[in-house]
């Protein structure tokens, strides 16, 4: 049986609150469709590098998991995310800034 899915807007609100409680700087760079918009998370490590995460279906575990879409120089990651946003008007984009690389996506309630 398929796992229930939270509306995108609700998940994003909860994620932003969790990051703020952990004192991790975050901002919503792009608001997507409240119900079913895809969510991408960009992590900037404040050294010119960045990583973008997207949720993908893991057929081995039959669950949705966060995976690295791209990583490298921040301007290159930004360019890819800009192209994705042009292609998908419903896309949510969250930007996290943390030198330690914390995004909390592996925490209970956020991981799958």
PDB file of N, CA and C in Angstrom:
ATOM      1  N   UNK A   1       0.838  -1.173   0.000  1.00  0.00           N
ATOM      2  CA  UNK A   1       0.000   0.000   0.000  1.00  0.00           C
ATOM      3  C   UNK A   1       0.887   1.242   0.000  1.00  0.00           C
ATOM      4  N   UNK A   2       0.535   2.233  -0.785  1.00  0.00           N
ATOM      5  CA  UNK A   2       1.336   3.446  -0.895  1.00  0.00           C
ATOM      6  C   UNK A   2       1.266   4.248   0.399  1.00  0.00           C
ATOM      7  N   UNK A   3       2.393   4.872   0.742  1.00  0.00           N
ATOM      8  CA  UNK A   3       2.443   5.693   1.945  1.00  0.00           C
ATOM      9  C   UNK A   3       1.671   6.986   1.709  1.00  0.00           C
ATOM     10  N   UNK A   4       0.989   7.505   2.731  1.00  0.00           N
ATOM     11  CA  UNK A   4       0.279   8.768   2.553  1.00  0.00           C
ATOM     12  C   UNK A   4       1.265   9.906   2.337  1.00  0.00           C
ATOM     13  N   UNK A   5       0.863  10.876   1.542  1.00  0.00           N
ATOM     14  CA  UNK A   5       1.728  12.018   1.249  1.00  0.00           C
ATOM     15  C   UNK A   5       1.158  13.282   1.850  1.00  0.00           C
ATOM     16  N   UNK A   6       2.022  14.027   2.494  1.00  0.00           N
ATOM     17  CA  UNK A   6       1.628  15.342   2.988  1.00  0.00           C
ATOM     18  C   UNK A   6       1.540  16.311   1.820  1.00  0.00           C
ATOM     19  N   UNK A   7       0.670  17.280   1.923  1.00  0.00           N
ATOM     20  CA  UNK A   7       0.641  18.355   0.944  1.00  0.00           C
ATOM     21  C   UNK A   7       1.988  19.066   0.994  1.00  0.00           C
ATOM     22  N   UNK A   8       2.486  19.465  -0.142  1.00  0.00           N
ATOM     23  CA  UNK A   8       3.816  20.081  -0.225  1.00  0.00           C
ATOM     24  C   UNK A   8       3.950  21.293   0.685  1.00  0.00           C
ATOM     25  N   UNK A   9       2.959  22.165   0.683  1.00  0.00           N
ATOM     26  CA  UNK A   9       3.026  23.373   1.505  1.00  0.00           C
ATOM     27  C   UNK A   9       3.130  23.067   2.986  1.00  0.00           C
ATOM     28  N   UNK A  10       2.427  22.052   3.438  1.00  0.00           N
ATOM     29  CA  UNK A  10       2.482  21.652   4.844  1.00  0.00           C
ATOM     30  C   UNK A  10       3.856  21.084   5.190  1.00  0.00           C
ATOM     31  N   UNK A  11       4.400  20.223   4.316  1.00  0.00           N
ATOM     32  CA  UNK A  11       5.729  19.656   4.561  1.00  0.00           C
ATOM     33  C   UNK A  11       6.781  20.758   4.614  1.00  0.00           C
ATOM     34  N   UNK A  12       6.714  21.696   3.665  1.00  0.00           N
ATOM     35  CA  UNK A  12       7.684  22.790   3.627  1.00  0.00           C
ATOM     36  C   UNK A  12       7.612  23.616   4.907  1.00  0.00           C
ATOM     37  N   UNK A  13       6.420  23.936   5.370  1.00  0.00           N
ATOM     38  CA  UNK A  13       6.273  24.715   6.604  1.00  0.00           C
ATOM     39  C   UNK A  13       6.901  23.990   7.787  1.00  0.00           C
ATOM     40  N   UNK A  14       6.660  22.692   7.882  1.00  0.00           N
ATOM     41  CA  UNK A  14       7.228  21.904   8.977  1.00  0.00           C
ATOM     42  C   UNK A  14       8.751  21.844   8.872  1.00  0.00           C
ATOM     43  N   UNK A  15       9.258  21.693   7.668  1.00  0.00           N
ATOM     44  CA  UNK A  15      10.708  21.618   7.462  1.00  0.00           C
ATOM     45  C   UNK A  15      11.380  22.939   7.836  1.00  0.00           C
ATOM     46  N   UNK A  16      10.819  24.047   7.392  1.00  0.00           N
ATOM     47  CA  UNK A  16      11.380  25.359   7.731  1.00  0.00           C
ATOM     48  C   UNK A  16      11.389  25.557   9.247  1.00  0.00           C
ATOM     49  N   UNK A  17      10.307  25.171   9.915  1.00  0.00           N
ATOM     50  CA  UNK A  17      10.246  25.305  11.371  1.00  0.00           C
ATOM     51  C   UNK A  17      11.318  24.446  12.045  1.00  0.00           C
ATOM     52  N   UNK A  18      11.505  23.224  11.567  1.00  0.00           N
ATOM     53  CA  UNK A  18      12.506  22.322  12.161  1.00  0.00           C
ATOM     54  C   UNK A  18      13.907  22.912  12.014  1.00  0.00           C
ATOM     55  N   UNK A  19      14.221  23.457  10.837  1.00  0.00           N
ATOM     56  CA  UNK A  19      15.538  24.063  10.631  1.00  0.00           C
ATOM     57  C   UNK A  19      15.725  25.285  11.532  1.00  0.00           C
ATOM     58  N   UNK A  20      14.706  26.101  11.640  1.00  0.00           N
ATOM     59  CA  UNK A  20      14.816  27.299  12.484  1.00  0.00           C
ATOM     60  C   UNK A  20      15.003  26.932  13.950  1.00  0.00           C
ATOM     61  N   UNK A  21      14.324  25.879  14.401  1.00  0.00           N
ATOM     62  CA  UNK A  21      14.507  25.415  15.784  1.00  0.00           C
ATOM     63  C   UNK A  21      15.929  24.938  16.033  1.00  0.00           C
ATOM     64  N   UNK A  22      16.582  24.411  14.984  1.00  0.00           N
ATOM     65  CA  UNK A  22      17.966  23.950  15.094  1.00  0.00           C
ATOM     66  C   UNK A  22      18.957  25.085  14.835  1.00  0.00           C
ATOM     67  N   UNK A  23      18.452  26.314  14.671  1.00  0.00           N
ATOM     68  CA  UNK A  23      19.283  27.503  14.414  1.00  0.00           C
ATOM     69  C   UNK A  23      20.109  27.347  13.139  1.00  0.00           C
ATOM     70  N   UNK A  24      19.498  26.734  12.122  1.00  0.00           N
ATOM     71  CA  UNK A  24      20.144  26.591  10.816  1.00  0.00           C
ATOM     72  C   UNK A  24      19.491  27.606   9.883  1.00  0.00           C
ATOM     73  N   UNK A  25      20.272  28.548   9.328  1.00  0.00           N
ATOM     74  CA  UNK A  25      19.697  29.554   8.431  1.00  0.00           C
ATOM     75  C   UNK A  25      19.043  28.919   7.204  1.00  0.00           C
ATOM     76  N   UNK A  26      17.827  29.346   6.931  1.00  0.00           N
ATOM     77  CA  UNK A  26      17.061  28.799   5.816  1.00  0.00           C
ATOM     78  C   UNK A  26      16.104  29.866   5.295  1.00  0.00           C
ATOM     79  N   UNK A  27      15.835  29.815   4.002  1.00  0.00           N
ATOM     80  CA  UNK A  27      14.788  30.672   3.466  1.00  0.00           C
ATOM     81  C   UNK A  27      14.124  29.993   2.282  1.00  0.00           C
ATOM     82  N   UNK A  28      12.898  30.400   2.062  1.00  0.00           N
ATOM     83  CA  UNK A  28      12.110  29.867   0.953  1.00  0.00           C
ATOM     84  C   UNK A  28      12.421  30.708  -0.277  1.00  0.00           C
ATOM     85  N   UNK A  29      13.128  30.134  -1.230  1.00  0.00           N
ATOM     86  CA  UNK A  29      13.537  30.859  -2.432  1.00  0.00           C
ATOM     87  C   UNK A  29      12.450  30.862  -3.491  1.00  0.00           C
ATOM     88  N   UNK A  30      11.582  29.856  -3.448  1.00  0.00           N
ATOM     89  CA  UNK A  30      10.523  29.759  -4.460  1.00  0.00           C
ATOM     90  C   UNK A  30       9.356  28.974  -3.869  1.00  0.00           C
ATOM     91  N   UNK A  31       8.173  29.540  -3.984  1.00  0.00           N
ATOM     92  CA  UNK A  31       6.957  28.888  -3.501  1.00  0.00           C
ATOM     93  C   UNK A  31       6.328  28.129  -4.664  1.00  0.00           C
ATOM     94  N   UNK A  32       6.043  26.864  -4.418  1.00  0.00           N
ATOM     95  CA  UNK A  32       5.435  26.025  -5.444  1.00  0.00           C
ATOM     96  C   UNK A  32       3.967  25.773  -5.188  1.00  0.00           C
ATOM     97  N   UNK A  33       3.448  24.749  -5.821  1.00  0.00           N
ATOM     98  CA  UNK A  33       2.052  24.367  -5.660  1.00  0.00           C
ATOM     99  C   UNK A  33       1.832  23.836  -4.242  1.00  0.00           C
ATOM    100  N   UNK A  34       0.825  24.357  -3.558  1.00  0.00           N
ATOM    101  CA  UNK A  34       0.560  24.016  -2.160  1.00  0.00           C
ATOM    102  C   UNK A  34       0.267  22.535  -1.947  1.00  0.00           C
ATOM    103  N   UNK A  35      -0.330  21.902  -2.936  1.00  0.00           N
ATOM    104  CA  UNK A  35      -0.757  20.519  -2.761  1.00  0.00           C
ATOM    105  C   UNK A  35       0.265  19.507  -3.240  1.00  0.00           C
ATOM    106  N   UNK A  36       0.759  19.685  -4.455  1.00  0.00           N
ATOM    107  CA  UNK A  36       1.565  18.606  -5.041  1.00  0.00           C
ATOM    108  C   UNK A  36       2.863  19.057  -5.691  1.00  0.00           C
ATOM    109  N   UNK A  37       3.316  20.246  -5.408  1.00  0.00           N
ATOM    110  CA  UNK A  37       4.561  20.704  -6.013  1.00  0.00           C
ATOM    111  C   UNK A  37       5.767  19.921  -5.513  1.00  0.00           C
ATOM    112  N   UNK A  38       6.688  19.645  -6.414  1.00  0.00           N
ATOM    113  CA  UNK A  38       7.934  18.978  -6.032  1.00  0.00           C
ATOM    114  C   UNK A  38       8.753  19.931  -5.166  1.00  0.00           C
ATOM    115  N   UNK A  39       9.598  19.356  -4.299  1.00  0.00           N
ATOM    116  CA  UNK A  39      10.425  20.153  -3.398  1.00  0.00           C
ATOM    117  C   UNK A  39      11.892  19.841  -3.662  1.00  0.00           C
ATOM    118  N   UNK A  40      12.698  20.878  -3.797  1.00  0.00           N
ATOM    119  CA  UNK A  40      14.145  20.725  -3.893  1.00  0.00           C
ATOM    120  C   UNK A  40      14.765  21.537  -2.768  1.00  0.00           C
ATOM    121  N   UNK A  41      15.834  20.998  -2.195  1.00  0.00           N
ATOM    122  CA  UNK A  41      16.541  21.664  -1.104  1.00  0.00           C
ATOM    123  C   UNK A  41      17.970  21.907  -1.554  1.00  0.00           C
ATOM    124  N   UNK A  42      18.377  23.171  -1.503  1.00  0.00           N
ATOM    125  CA  UNK A  42      19.764  23.518  -1.821  1.00  0.00           C
ATOM    126  C   UNK A  42      20.502  23.783  -0.514  1.00  0.00           C
ATOM    127  N   UNK A  43      21.661  23.183  -0.379  1.00  0.00           N
ATOM    128  CA  UNK A  43      22.532  23.426   0.763  1.00  0.00           C
ATOM    129  C   UNK A  43      23.753  24.190   0.283  1.00  0.00           C
ATOM    130  N   UNK A  44      23.964  25.382   0.815  1.00  0.00           N
ATOM    131  CA  UNK A  44      25.177  26.152   0.556  1.00  0.00           C
ATOM    132  C   UNK A  44      26.062  26.025   1.784  1.00  0.00           C
ATOM    133  N   UNK A  45      27.286  25.545   1.594  1.00  0.00           N
ATOM    134  CA  UNK A  45      28.192  25.326   2.727  1.00  0.00           C
ATOM    135  C   UNK A  45      29.079  26.536   3.001  1.00  0.00           C
ATOM    136  N   UNK A  46      28.801  27.641   2.370  1.00  0.00           N
ATOM    137  CA  UNK A  46      29.446  28.925   2.633  1.00  0.00           C
ATOM    138  C   UNK A  46      30.926  28.956   2.247  1.00  0.00           C
ATOM    139  N   UNK A  47      31.325  28.027   1.391  1.00  0.00           N
ATOM    140  CA  UNK A  47      32.707  28.000   0.894  1.00  0.00           C
ATOM    141  C   UNK A  47      32.744  27.974  -0.630  1.00  0.00           C
ATOM    142  N   UNK A  48      31.630  28.408  -1.245  1.00  0.00           N
ATOM    143  CA  UNK A  48      31.532  28.407  -2.698  1.00  0.00           C
ATOM    144  C   UNK A  48      30.982  27.110  -3.263  1.00  0.00           C
ATOM    145  N   UNK A  49      30.711  26.149  -2.393  1.00  0.00           N
ATOM    146  CA  UNK A  49      30.183  24.853  -2.817  1.00  0.00           C
ATOM    147  C   UNK A  49      28.720  24.729  -2.396  1.00  0.00           C
ATOM    148  N   UNK A  50      27.995  23.874  -3.117  1.00  0.00           N
ATOM    149  CA  UNK A  50      26.588  23.652  -2.797  1.00  0.00           C
ATOM    150  C   UNK A  50      26.183  22.258  -3.248  1.00  0.00           C
ATOM    151  N   UNK A  51      25.046  21.862  -2.743  1.00  0.00           N
ATOM    152  CA  UNK A  51      24.482  20.555  -3.073  1.00  0.00           C
ATOM    153  C   UNK A  51      22.969  20.739  -3.162  1.00  0.00           C
ATOM    154  N   UNK A  52      22.325  20.077  -4.111  1.00  0.00           N
ATOM    155  CA  UNK A  52      20.870  20.135  -4.227  1.00  0.00           C
ATOM    156  C   UNK A  52      20.299  18.740  -4.034  1.00  0.00           C
ATOM    157  N   UNK A  53      19.243  18.671  -3.228  1.00  0.00           N
ATOM    158  CA  UNK A  53      18.570  17.408  -2.928  1.00  0.00           C
ATOM    159  C   UNK A  53      17.186  17.384  -3.559  1.00  0.00           C
ATOM    160  N   UNK A  54      16.767  16.199  -3.955  1.00  0.00           N
ATOM    161  CA  UNK A  54      15.434  15.983  -4.508  1.00  0.00           C
ATOM    162  C   UNK A  54      14.939  14.635  -3.983  1.00  0.00           C
ATOM    163  N   UNK A  55      13.627  14.493  -3.863  1.00  0.00           N
ATOM    164  CA  UNK A  55      13.077  13.203  -3.429  1.00  0.00           C
ATOM    165  C   UNK A  55      12.845  12.322  -4.642  1.00  0.00           C
ATOM    166  N   UNK A  56      13.308  11.084  -4.522  1.00  0.00           N
ATOM    167  CA  UNK A  56      13.153  10.102  -5.603  1.00  0.00           C
ATOM    168  C   UNK A  56      12.608   8.808  -5.028  1.00  0.00           C
ATOM    169  N   UNK A  57      11.969   8.061  -5.890  1.00  0.00           N
ATOM    170  CA  UNK A  57      11.428   6.771  -5.470  1.00  0.00           C
ATOM    171  C   UNK A  57      12.558   5.758  -5.418  1.00  0.00           C
ATOM    172  N   UNK A  58      12.675   5.073  -4.281  1.00  0.00           N
ATOM    173  CA  UNK A  58      13.656   4.005  -4.111  1.00  0.00           C
ATOM    174  C   UNK A  58      12.906   2.681  -4.255  1.00  0.00           C
ATOM    175  N   UNK A  59      13.115   2.009  -5.384  1.00  0.00           N
ATOM    176  CA  UNK A  59      12.390   0.780  -5.660  1.00  0.00           C
ATOM    177  C   UNK A  59      12.802  -0.350  -4.722  1.00  0.00           C
ATOM    178  N   UNK A  60      14.009  -0.318  -4.211  1.00  0.00           N
ATOM    179  CA  UNK A  60      14.480  -1.374  -3.301  1.00  0.00           C
ATOM    180  C   UNK A  60      13.709  -1.347  -1.984  1.00  0.00           C
ATOM    181  N   UNK A  61      13.406  -0.149  -1.491  1.00  0.00           N
ATOM    182  CA  UNK A  61      12.696  -0.039  -0.212  1.00  0.00           C
ATOM    183  C   UNK A  61      11.232   0.341  -0.388  1.00  0.00           C
ATOM    184  N   UNK A  62      10.827   0.621  -1.629  1.00  0.00           N
ATOM    185  CA  UNK A  62       9.456   1.021  -1.953  1.00  0.00           C
ATOM    186  C   UNK A  62       9.038   2.276  -1.177  1.00  0.00           C
ATOM    187  N   UNK A  63       9.983   3.213  -1.067  1.00  0.00           N
ATOM    188  CA  UNK A  63       9.727   4.478  -0.382  1.00  0.00           C
ATOM    189  C   UNK A  63      10.364   5.619  -1.173  1.00  0.00           C
ATOM    190  N   UNK A  64       9.937   6.822  -0.829  1.00  0.00           N
ATOM    191  CA  UNK A  64      10.580   8.011  -1.407  1.00  0.00           C
ATOM    192  C   UNK A  64      11.712   8.418  -0.490  1.00  0.00           C
ATOM    193  N   UNK A  65      12.883   8.675  -1.065  1.00  0.00           N
ATOM    194  CA  UNK A  65      14.072   9.038  -0.294  1.00  0.00           C
ATOM    195  C   UNK A  65      14.697  10.305  -0.866  1.00  0.00           C
ATOM    196  N   UNK A  66      15.386  11.050  -0.031  1.00  0.00           N
ATOM    197  CA  UNK A  66      16.129  12.212  -0.487  1.00  0.00           C
ATOM    198  C   UNK A  66      17.436  11.752  -1.126  1.00  0.00           C
ATOM    199  N   UNK A  67      17.745  12.325  -2.281  1.00  0.00           N
ATOM    200  CA  UNK A  67      18.973  11.984  -2.995  1.00  0.00           C
ATOM    201  C   UNK A  67      19.627  13.273  -3.483  1.00  0.00           C
ATOM    202  N   UNK A  68      20.938  13.228  -3.640  1.00  0.00           N
ATOM    203  CA  UNK A  68      21.660  14.380  -4.171  1.00  0.00           C
ATOM    204  C   UNK A  68      21.412  14.447  -5.678  1.00  0.00           C
ATOM    205  N   UNK A  69      20.886  15.568  -6.125  1.00  0.00           N
ATOM    206  CA  UNK A  69      20.643  15.797  -7.551  1.00  0.00           C
ATOM    207  C   UNK A  69      21.919  16.281  -8.227  1.00  0.00           C
ATOM    208  N   UNK A  70      22.603  17.220  -7.567  1.00  0.00           N
ATOM    209  CA  UNK A  70      23.827  17.794  -8.112  1.00  0.00           C
ATOM    210  C   UNK A  70      24.630  18.388  -6.959  1.00  0.00           C
ATOM    211  N   UNK A  71      25.949  18.381  -7.094  1.00  0.00           N
ATOM    212  CA  UNK A  71      26.799  19.068  -6.127  1.00  0.00           C
ATOM    213  C   UNK A  71      28.014  19.610  -6.847  1.00  0.00           C
ATOM    214  N   UNK A  72      28.555  20.694  -6.309  1.00  0.00           N
ATOM    215  CA  UNK A  72      29.719  21.325  -6.913  1.00  0.00           C
ATOM    216  C   UNK A  72      29.734  22.804  -6.586  1.00  0.00           C
ATOM    217  N   UNK A  73      30.263  23.590  -7.517  1.00  0.00           N
ATOM    218  CA  UNK A  73      30.320  25.038  -7.301  1.00  0.00           C
ATOM    219  C   UNK A  73      28.907  25.603  -7.189  1.00  0.00           C
ATOM    220  N   UNK A  74      28.729  26.506  -6.255  1.00  0.00           N
ATOM    221  CA  UNK A  74      27.395  27.027  -5.977  1.00  0.00           C
ATOM    222  C   UNK A  74      26.740  27.656  -7.204  1.00  0.00           C
ATOM    223  N   UNK A  75      27.495  28.373  -8.001  1.00  0.00           N
ATOM    224  CA  UNK A  75      26.877  29.012  -9.186  1.00  0.00           C
ATOM    225  C   UNK A  75      26.370  27.976 -10.186  1.00  0.00           C
ATOM    226  N   UNK A  76      27.049  26.838 -10.287  1.00  0.00           N
ATOM    227  CA  UNK A  76      26.592  25.764 -11.181  1.00  0.00           C
ATOM    228  C   UNK A  76      25.335  25.097 -10.637  1.00  0.00           C
ATOM    229  N   UNK A  77      25.290  24.900  -9.336  1.00  0.00           N
ATOM    230  CA  UNK A  77      24.088  24.335  -8.713  1.00  0.00           C
ATOM    231  C   UNK A  77      22.922  25.304  -8.902  1.00  0.00           C
ATOM    232  N   UNK A  78      23.161  26.603  -8.693  1.00  0.00           N
ATOM    233  CA  UNK A  78      22.120  27.612  -8.895  1.00  0.00           C
ATOM    234  C   UNK A  78      21.607  27.607 -10.325  1.00  0.00           C
ATOM    235  N   UNK A  79      22.489  27.464 -11.290  1.00  0.00           N
ATOM    236  CA  UNK A  79      22.081  27.448 -12.698  1.00  0.00           C
ATOM    237  C   UNK A  79      21.176  26.255 -12.992  1.00  0.00           C
ATOM    238  N   UNK A  80      21.522  25.099 -12.457  1.00  0.00           N
ATOM    239  CA  UNK A  80      20.684  23.919 -12.667  1.00  0.00           C
ATOM    240  C   UNK A  80      19.315  24.105 -12.014  1.00  0.00           C
ATOM    241  N   UNK A  81      19.294  24.641 -10.809  1.00  0.00           N
ATOM    242  CA  UNK A  81      18.023  24.866 -10.123  1.00  0.00           C
ATOM    243  C   UNK A  81      17.165  25.889 -10.861  1.00  0.00           C
ATOM    244  N   UNK A  82      17.780  26.899 -11.448  1.00  0.00           N
ATOM    245  CA  UNK A  82      17.037  27.881 -12.241  1.00  0.00           C
ATOM    246  C   UNK A  82      16.386  27.216 -13.449  1.00  0.00           C
ATOM    247  N   UNK A  83      17.121  26.311 -14.098  1.00  0.00           N
ATOM    248  CA  UNK A  83      16.542  25.577 -15.242  1.00  0.00           C
ATOM    249  C   UNK A  83      15.379  24.693 -14.797  1.00  0.00           C
ATOM    250  N   UNK A  84      15.536  24.038 -13.659  1.00  0.00           N
ATOM    251  CA  UNK A  84      14.459  23.190 -13.130  1.00  0.00           C
ATOM    252  C   UNK A  84      13.221  24.035 -12.834  1.00  0.00           C
ATOM    253  N   UNK A  85      13.419  25.213 -12.259  1.00  0.00           N
ATOM    254  CA  UNK A  85      12.298  26.090 -11.921  1.00  0.00           C
ATOM    255  C   UNK A  85      11.592  26.592 -13.174  1.00  0.00           C
ATOM    256  N   UNK A  86      12.331  26.844 -14.237  1.00  0.00           N
ATOM    257  CA  UNK A  86      11.709  27.250 -15.503  1.00  0.00           C
ATOM    258  C   UNK A  86      10.847  26.138 -16.072  1.00  0.00           C
ATOM    259  N   UNK A  87      11.308  24.919 -15.910  1.00  0.00           N
ATOM    260  CA  UNK A  87      10.621  23.753 -16.447  1.00  0.00           C
ATOM    261  C   UNK A  87       9.394  23.370 -15.610  1.00  0.00           C
ATOM    262  N   UNK A  88       9.463  23.603 -14.297  1.00  0.00           N
ATOM    263  CA  UNK A  88       8.398  23.184 -13.386  1.00  0.00           C
ATOM    264  C   UNK A  88       7.905  24.371 -12.571  1.00  0.00           C
ATOM    265  N   UNK A  89       6.807  24.953 -12.983  1.00  0.00           N
ATOM    266  CA  UNK A  89       6.247  26.143 -12.316  1.00  0.00           C
ATOM    267  C   UNK A  89       5.724  25.836 -10.911  1.00  0.00           C
ATOM    268  N   UNK A  90       5.502  24.554 -10.585  1.00  0.00           N
ATOM    269  CA  UNK A  90       4.975  24.163  -9.279  1.00  0.00           C
ATOM    270  C   UNK A  90       6.072  23.853  -8.267  1.00  0.00           C
ATOM    271  N   UNK A  91       7.328  24.003  -8.648  1.00  0.00           N
ATOM    272  CA  UNK A  91       8.470  23.618  -7.834  1.00  0.00           C
ATOM    273  C   UNK A  91       8.668  24.525  -6.621  1.00  0.00           C
ATOM    274  N   UNK A  92       8.914  23.911  -5.462  1.00  0.00           N
ATOM    275  CA  UNK A  92       9.341  24.608  -4.255  1.00  0.00           C
ATOM    276  C   UNK A  92      10.863  24.550  -4.203  1.00  0.00           C
ATOM    277  N   UNK A  93      11.497  25.639  -3.810  1.00  0.00           N
ATOM    278  CA  UNK A  93      12.946  25.649  -3.642  1.00  0.00           C
ATOM    279  C   UNK A  93      13.280  26.246  -2.283  1.00  0.00           C
ATOM    280  N   UNK A  94      13.939  25.437  -1.475  1.00  0.00           N
ATOM    281  CA  UNK A  94      14.349  25.840  -0.133  1.00  0.00           C
ATOM    282  C   UNK A  94      15.862  25.947  -0.123  1.00  0.00           C
ATOM    283  N   UNK A  95      16.389  27.042   0.422  1.00  0.00           N
ATOM    284  CA  UNK A  95      17.835  27.229   0.491  1.00  0.00           C
ATOM    285  C   UNK A  95      18.290  27.233   1.949  1.00  0.00           C
ATOM    286  N   UNK A  96      19.237  26.343   2.236  1.00  0.00           N
ATOM    287  CA  UNK A  96      19.805  26.182   3.565  1.00  0.00           C
ATOM    288  C   UNK A  96      21.258  26.639   3.499  1.00  0.00           C
ATOM    289  N   UNK A  97      21.690  27.389   4.500  1.00  0.00           N
ATOM    290  CA  UNK A  97      23.088  27.820   4.572  1.00  0.00           C
ATOM    291  C   UNK A  97      23.689  27.267   5.855  1.00  0.00           C
ATOM    292  N   UNK A  98      24.638  26.347   5.726  1.00  0.00           N
ATOM    293  CA  UNK A  98      25.234  25.751   6.907  1.00  0.00           C
ATOM    294  C   UNK A  98      26.629  25.234   6.588  1.00  0.00           C
ATOM    295  N   UNK A  99      27.619  25.778   7.265  1.00  0.00           N
ATOM    296  CA  UNK A  99      29.011  25.359   7.049  1.00  0.00           C
ATOM    297  C   UNK A  99      29.233  23.887   7.372  1.00  0.00           C
ATOM    298  N   UNK A 100      28.430  23.348   8.282  1.00  0.00           N
ATOM    299  CA  UNK A 100      28.573  21.950   8.696  1.00  0.00           C
ATOM    300  C   UNK A 100      27.836  20.983   7.776  1.00  0.00           C
ATOM    301  N   UNK A 101      27.064  21.514   6.826  1.00  0.00           N
ATOM    302  CA  UNK A 101      26.359  20.661   5.866  1.00  0.00           C
ATOM    303  C   UNK A 101      25.093  20.031   6.401  1.00  0.00           C
ATOM    304  N   UNK A 102      24.502  20.616   7.443  1.00  0.00           N
ATOM    305  CA  UNK A 102      23.285  20.050   8.025  1.00  0.00           C
ATOM    306  C   UNK A 102      22.053  20.475   7.225  1.00  0.00           C
ATOM    307  N   UNK A 103      21.258  19.492   6.840  1.00  0.00           N
ATOM    308  CA  UNK A 103      19.980  19.769   6.180  1.00  0.00           C
ATOM    309  C   UNK A 103      18.815  19.080   6.890  1.00  0.00           C
ATOM    310  N   UNK A 104      19.114  18.163   7.783  1.00  0.00           N
ATOM    311  CA  UNK A 104      18.136  17.449   8.604  1.00  0.00           C
ATOM    312  C   UNK A 104      17.188  16.551   7.812  1.00  0.00           C
ATOM    313  N   UNK A 105      17.448  16.315   6.542  1.00  0.00           N
ATOM    314  CA  UNK A 105      16.539  15.520   5.718  1.00  0.00           C
ATOM    315  C   UNK A 105      16.499  14.051   6.118  1.00  0.00           C
ATOM    316  N   UNK A 106      17.475  13.611   6.897  1.00  0.00           N
ATOM    317  CA  UNK A 106      17.483  12.213   7.341  1.00  0.00           C
ATOM    318  C   UNK A 106      16.807  12.028   8.694  1.00  0.00           C
ATOM    319  N   UNK A 107      16.250  13.099   9.248  1.00  0.00           N
ATOM    320  CA  UNK A 107      15.584  13.013  10.543  1.00  0.00           C
ATOM    321  C   UNK A 107      14.178  12.448  10.427  1.00  0.00           C
ATOM    322  N   UNK A 108      13.720  11.860  11.520  1.00  0.00           N
ATOM    323  CA  UNK A 108      12.367  11.299  11.588  1.00  0.00           C
ATOM    324  C   UNK A 108      11.339  12.345  11.161  1.00  0.00           C
ATOM    325  N   UNK A 109      10.439  11.947  10.299  1.00  0.00           N
ATOM    326  CA  UNK A 109       9.388  12.833   9.829  1.00  0.00           C
ATOM    327  C   UNK A 109       9.764  13.649   8.606  1.00  0.00           C
ATOM    328  N   UNK A 110      11.053  13.702   8.279  1.00  0.00           N
ATOM    329  CA  UNK A 110      11.485  14.473   7.106  1.00  0.00           C
ATOM    330  C   UNK A 110      12.105  13.578   6.048  1.00  0.00           C
ATOM    331  N   UNK A 111      12.549  12.411   6.429  1.00  0.00           N
ATOM    332  CA  UNK A 111      13.377  11.576   5.548  1.00  0.00           C
ATOM    333  C   UNK A 111      12.620  10.966   4.383  1.00  0.00           C
ATOM    334  N   UNK A 112      11.471  10.419   4.597  1.00  0.00           N
ATOM    335  CA  UNK A 112      10.819   9.656   3.534  1.00  0.00           C
ATOM    336  C   UNK A 112       9.733  10.362   2.830  1.00  0.00           C
TER     337      UNK A 112
END
